[in-house]
Amino acid sequence: MNLFAINMFLAFAWVALTGGVTLSGLITGFLLGLAAMWLVRPLFPSSRGYFMRLYYWTRLVVMFIYELVVSSFSVISDVFTPGQDSKPALIAIPLNVTTDLQITMLANFISLTPGTLSLDVSDDRKTLYIHAMFGDDPDAIRAQIRDHFEVWVREATE
């Protein structure tokens, strides 16, 4: 059986036992289920992969929120500062991700981050075209996407 399904079953069992269907109750149940599964992990030979994948997904979400906040401040600063500091640019990003899910997630994370927008993917799925509000240094933007977003997406989805 899928270990995530077991974890969700334990979370819902916790909510049923406590009698309160709340988000905090579900999170508490999920964490308690995770702890219980950690204690009995020798019974599940594939549990190591589950715990690592859960770690990678958590890291992906946390790092995306961090990038979202940092880039929001850059955009807000440019909007409220007199004059225009932005140097818009269209940038071609060579892709290291290969699956449709990975490409879609990467493009969506780029589009959801203020100051950048995914425009198109090449027909051979090896290049992503983006619009960057602060495109002064295209190589730095390529490196940030390659070394951060692509790595996080690839680790979470493999």
C-alpha atoms as a PDB file:
ATOM      1  CA  MET A   1       0.000   0.000   0.000  1.00  0.00           C
ATOM      2  CA  ASN A   2       1.105   3.560  -0.649  1.00  0.00           C
ATOM      3  CA  LEU A   3       2.827   4.998   2.432  1.00  0.00           C
ATOM      4  CA  PHE A   4       1.354   8.457   1.828  1.00  0.00           C
ATOM      5  CA  ALA A   5      -2.124   6.910   1.844  1.00  0.00           C
ATOM      6  CA  ILE A   6      -1.332   5.200   5.145  1.00  0.00           C
ATOM      7  CA  ASN A   7      -0.113   8.505   6.557  1.00  0.00           C
ATOM      8  CA  MET A   8      -3.290  10.274   5.410  1.00  0.00           C
ATOM      9  CA  PHE A   9      -5.410   7.459   6.876  1.00  0.00           C
ATOM     10  CA  LEU A  10      -3.658   7.973  10.222  1.00  0.00           C
ATOM     11  CA  ALA A  11      -4.264  11.726   9.981  1.00  0.00           C
ATOM     12  CA  PHE A  12      -7.995  11.205   9.358  1.00  0.00           C
ATOM     13  CA  ALA A  13      -8.117   8.602  12.123  1.00  0.00           C
ATOM     14  CA  TRP A  14      -6.634  11.203  14.472  1.00  0.00           C
ATOM     15  CA  VAL A  15      -9.271  13.741  13.420  1.00  0.00           C
ATOM     16  CA  ALA A  16     -12.023  11.156  13.942  1.00  0.00           C
ATOM     17  CA  LEU A  17     -10.712  10.278  17.405  1.00  0.00           C
ATOM     18  CA  THR A  18     -10.379  13.890  18.531  1.00  0.00           C
ATOM     19  CA  GLY A  19     -13.766  14.838  17.089  1.00  0.00           C
ATOM     20  CA  GLY A  20     -12.673  18.102  15.495  1.00  0.00           C
ATOM     21  CA  VAL A  21     -12.206  18.380  11.741  1.00  0.00           C
ATOM     22  CA  THR A  22      -9.788  21.287  11.494  1.00  0.00           C
ATOM     23  CA  LEU A  23      -6.699  21.995   9.457  1.00  0.00           C
ATOM     24  CA  SER A  24      -4.578  22.019  12.592  1.00  0.00           C
ATOM     25  CA  GLY A  25      -6.082  18.668  13.589  1.00  0.00           C
ATOM     26  CA  LEU A  26      -5.221  17.198  10.190  1.00  0.00           C
ATOM     27  CA  ILE A  27      -1.673  18.544  10.361  1.00  0.00           C
ATOM     28  CA  THR A  28      -1.260  17.198  13.893  1.00  0.00           C
ATOM     29  CA  GLY A  29      -2.619  13.821  12.796  1.00  0.00           C
ATOM     30  CA  PHE A  30      -0.325  13.787   9.769  1.00  0.00           C
ATOM     31  CA  LEU A  31       2.722  14.561  11.926  1.00  0.00           C
ATOM     32  CA  LEU A  32       1.742  11.978  14.554  1.00  0.00           C
ATOM     33  CA  GLY A  33       1.182   9.424  11.781  1.00  0.00           C
ATOM     34  CA  LEU A  34       4.569  10.314  10.334  1.00  0.00           C
ATOM     35  CA  ALA A  35       6.182   9.794  13.743  1.00  0.00           C
ATOM     36  CA  ALA A  36       4.413   6.443  14.157  1.00  0.00           C
ATOM     37  CA  MET A  37       5.529   5.357  10.700  1.00  0.00           C
ATOM     38  CA  TRP A  38       9.083   6.423  11.529  1.00  0.00           C
ATOM     39  CA  LEU A  39       9.024   4.169  14.601  1.00  0.00           C
ATOM     40  CA  VAL A  40       7.847   1.143  12.627  1.00  0.00           C
ATOM     41  CA  ARG A  41       9.843   1.842   9.473  1.00  0.00           C
ATOM     42  CA  PRO A  42      11.616  -1.567   9.552  1.00  0.00           C
ATOM     43  CA  LEU A  43       8.218  -3.085   8.689  1.00  0.00           C
ATOM     44  CA  PHE A  44       8.103  -1.047   5.475  1.00  0.00           C
ATOM     45  CA  PRO A  45      11.150  -1.741   3.267  1.00  0.00           C
ATOM     46  CA  SER A  46      10.365   1.200   0.978  1.00  0.00           C
ATOM     47  CA  SER A  47       9.834   3.712   3.796  1.00  0.00           C
ATOM     48  CA  ARG A  48      13.236   5.376   3.351  1.00  0.00           C
ATOM     49  CA  GLY A  49      12.192   6.597  -0.086  1.00  0.00           C
ATOM     50  CA  TYR A  50       8.935   7.957   1.346  1.00  0.00           C
ATOM     51  CA  PHE A  51      10.648   9.942   4.084  1.00  0.00           C
ATOM     52  CA  MET A  52      13.222  11.352   1.653  1.00  0.00           C
ATOM     53  CA  ARG A  53      10.531  12.310  -0.868  1.00  0.00           C
ATOM     54  CA  LEU A  54       8.512  13.983   1.879  1.00  0.00           C
ATOM     55  CA  TYR A  55      11.654  15.906   2.860  1.00  0.00           C
ATOM     56  CA  TYR A  56      12.264  16.997  -0.748  1.00  0.00           C
ATOM     57  CA  TRP A  57       8.643  18.134  -1.225  1.00  0.00           C
ATOM     58  CA  THR A  58       8.756  20.076   2.036  1.00  0.00           C
ATOM     59  CA  ARG A  59      12.019  21.701   0.999  1.00  0.00           C
ATOM     60  CA  LEU A  60      10.570  22.571  -2.424  1.00  0.00           C
ATOM     61  CA  VAL A  61       7.571  24.318  -0.846  1.00  0.00           C
ATOM     62  CA  VAL A  62       9.647  26.155   1.768  1.00  0.00           C
ATOM     63  CA  MET A  63      12.262  27.319  -0.738  1.00  0.00           C
ATOM     64  CA  PHE A  64       9.573  28.426  -3.206  1.00  0.00           C
ATOM     65  CA  ILE A  65       7.934  30.510  -0.479  1.00  0.00           C
ATOM     66  CA  TYR A  66      11.343  32.004   0.353  1.00  0.00           C
ATOM     67  CA  GLU A  67      11.978  32.891  -3.310  1.00  0.00           C
ATOM     68  CA  LEU A  68       8.454  34.286  -3.548  1.00  0.00           C
ATOM     69  CA  VAL A  69       9.004  36.629  -0.598  1.00  0.00           C
ATOM     70  CA  VAL A  70      12.459  37.780  -1.745  1.00  0.00           C
ATOM     71  CA  SER A  71      11.349  38.493  -5.303  1.00  0.00           C
ATOM     72  CA  SER A  72       8.185  40.217  -4.052  1.00  0.00           C
ATOM     73  CA  PHE A  73      10.308  42.718  -2.161  1.00  0.00           C
ATOM     74  CA  SER A  74      12.393  43.384  -5.274  1.00  0.00           C
ATOM     75  CA  VAL A  75       9.300  44.065  -7.360  1.00  0.00           C
ATOM     76  CA  ILE A  76       7.651  46.177  -4.639  1.00  0.00           C
ATOM     77  CA  SER A  77      10.840  48.202  -4.257  1.00  0.00           C
ATOM     78  CA  ASP A  78      10.979  48.869  -7.993  1.00  0.00           C
ATOM     79  CA  VAL A  79       7.303  49.793  -8.187  1.00  0.00           C
ATOM     80  CA  PHE A  80       7.398  52.278  -5.318  1.00  0.00           C
ATOM     81  CA  THR A  81      10.795  53.817  -6.135  1.00  0.00           C
ATOM     82  CA  PRO A  82      10.746  56.819  -8.472  1.00  0.00           C
ATOM     83  CA  GLY A  83      12.227  56.008 -11.852  1.00  0.00           C
ATOM     84  CA  GLN A  84      12.598  52.596 -13.353  1.00  0.00           C
ATOM     85  CA  ASP A  85      15.368  50.263 -12.186  1.00  0.00           C
ATOM     86  CA  SER A  86      14.100  47.221 -14.029  1.00  0.00           C
ATOM     87  CA  LYS A  87      15.720  46.053 -17.246  1.00  0.00           C
ATOM     88  CA  PRO A  88      13.211  43.640 -18.832  1.00  0.00           C
ATOM     89  CA  ALA A  89      14.632  40.839 -20.942  1.00  0.00           C
ATOM     90  CA  LEU A  90      13.584  37.698 -22.765  1.00  0.00           C
ATOM     91  CA  ILE A  91      15.854  34.841 -21.727  1.00  0.00           C
ATOM     92  CA  ALA A  92      16.277  31.302 -23.081  1.00  0.00           C
ATOM     93  CA  ILE A  93      16.866  28.804 -20.271  1.00  0.00           C
ATOM     94  CA  PRO A  94      18.364  25.399 -21.221  1.00  0.00           C
ATOM     95  CA  LEU A  95      16.421  22.723 -19.333  1.00  0.00           C
ATOM     96  CA  ASN A  96      17.863  19.855 -17.333  1.00  0.00           C
ATOM     97  CA  VAL A  97      14.434  18.571 -16.301  1.00  0.00           C
ATOM     98  CA  THR A  98      12.968  16.042 -18.713  1.00  0.00           C
ATOM     99  CA  THR A  99       9.449  14.911 -17.813  1.00  0.00           C
ATOM    100  CA  ASP A 100       6.284  16.828 -18.584  1.00  0.00           C
ATOM    101  CA  LEU A 101       5.524  17.107 -14.860  1.00  0.00           C
ATOM    102  CA  GLN A 102       8.944  18.583 -14.101  1.00  0.00           C
ATOM    103  CA  ILE A 103       8.786  21.072 -16.984  1.00  0.00           C
ATOM    104  CA  THR A 104       5.263  22.130 -16.007  1.00  0.00           C
ATOM    105  CA  MET A 105       6.176  22.561 -12.341  1.00  0.00           C
ATOM    106  CA  LEU A 106       9.287  24.566 -13.209  1.00  0.00           C
ATOM    107  CA  ALA A 107       7.385  26.825 -15.602  1.00  0.00           C
ATOM    108  CA  ASN A 108       4.652  27.379 -13.018  1.00  0.00           C
ATOM    109  CA  PHE A 109       7.113  28.173 -10.227  1.00  0.00           C
ATOM    110  CA  ILE A 110       8.827  30.691 -12.503  1.00  0.00           C
ATOM    111  CA  SER A 111       5.502  32.278 -13.457  1.00  0.00           C
ATOM    112  CA  LEU A 112       4.312  32.420  -9.842  1.00  0.00           C
ATOM    113  CA  THR A 113       7.485  34.193  -8.746  1.00  0.00           C
ATOM    114  CA  PRO A 114       7.013  37.967  -9.079  1.00  0.00           C
ATOM    115  CA  GLY A 115       9.205  39.529 -11.748  1.00  0.00           C
ATOM    116  CA  THR A 116       9.411  36.470 -13.994  1.00  0.00           C
ATOM    117  CA  LEU A 117       7.020  34.848 -16.438  1.00  0.00           C
ATOM    118  CA  SER A 118       7.305  31.624 -18.414  1.00  0.00           C
ATOM    119  CA  LEU A 119       6.514  32.225 -22.056  1.00  0.00           C
ATOM    120  CA  ASP A 120       7.111  29.046 -24.030  1.00  0.00           C
ATOM    121  CA  VAL A 121       8.915  25.718 -24.172  1.00  0.00           C
ATOM    122  CA  SER A 122      10.756  24.730 -27.347  1.00  0.00           C
ATOM    123  CA  ASP A 123       9.388  21.865 -29.424  1.00  0.00           C
ATOM    124  CA  ASP A 124      12.253  19.596 -28.378  1.00  0.00           C
ATOM    125  CA  ARG A 125      11.513  20.421 -24.669  1.00  0.00           C
ATOM    126  CA  LYS A 126      15.116  21.464 -24.054  1.00  0.00           C
ATOM    127  CA  THR A 127      14.662  25.247 -23.736  1.00  0.00           C
ATOM    128  CA  LEU A 128      12.289  27.362 -21.668  1.00  0.00           C
ATOM    129  CA  TYR A 129      11.754  30.975 -22.669  1.00  0.00           C
ATOM    130  CA  ILE A 130      11.021  33.430 -19.877  1.00  0.00           C
ATOM    131  CA  HIS A 131      10.472  37.149 -19.428  1.00  0.00           C
ATOM    132  CA  ALA A 132      12.445  38.611 -16.525  1.00  0.00           C
ATOM    133  CA  MET A 133      11.679  42.020 -15.057  1.00  0.00           C
ATOM    134  CA  PHE A 134      15.262  42.340 -13.846  1.00  0.00           C
ATOM    135  CA  GLY A 135      17.164  40.860 -16.795  1.00  0.00           C
ATOM    136  CA  ASP A 136      20.429  42.765 -16.314  1.00  0.00           C
ATOM    137  CA  ASP A 137      22.419  39.539 -16.019  1.00  0.00           C
ATOM    138  CA  PRO A 138      20.803  36.693 -17.993  1.00  0.00           C
ATOM    139  CA  ASP A 139      23.556  34.252 -16.987  1.00  0.00           C
ATOM    140  CA  ALA A 140      22.837  34.823 -13.291  1.00  0.00           C
ATOM    141  CA  ILE A 141      19.134  34.188 -13.895  1.00  0.00           C
ATOM    142  CA  ARG A 142      19.928  30.992 -15.812  1.00  0.00           C
ATOM    143  CA  ALA A 143      22.238  29.853 -13.025  1.00  0.00           C
ATOM    144  CA  GLN A 144      19.661  30.580 -10.331  1.00  0.00           C
ATOM    145  CA  ILE A 145      16.972  28.611 -12.156  1.00  0.00           C
ATOM    146  CA  ARG A 146      19.362  25.747 -12.961  1.00  0.00           C
ATOM    147  CA  ASP A 147      20.948  25.553  -9.491  1.00  0.00           C
ATOM    148  CA  HIS A 148      17.831  26.183  -7.419  1.00  0.00           C
ATOM    149  CA  PHE A 149      14.433  25.636  -9.007  1.00  0.00           C
ATOM    150  CA  GLU A 150      15.435  22.796 -11.337  1.00  0.00           C
ATOM    151  CA  VAL A 151      17.290  20.911  -8.601  1.00  0.00           C
ATOM    152  CA  TRP A 152      14.385  21.245  -6.145  1.00  0.00           C
ATOM    153  CA  VAL A 153      11.807  20.159  -8.734  1.00  0.00           C
ATOM    154  CA  ARG A 154      13.925  17.235  -9.930  1.00  0.00           C
ATOM    155  CA  GLU A 155      14.581  15.947  -6.400  1.00  0.00           C
ATOM    156  CA  ALA A 156      10.917  16.222  -5.421  1.00  0.00           C
ATOM    157  CA  THR A 157       9.617  14.431  -8.501  1.00  0.00           C
ATOM    158  CA  GLU A 158      12.164  11.640  -9.027  1.00  0.00           C
END
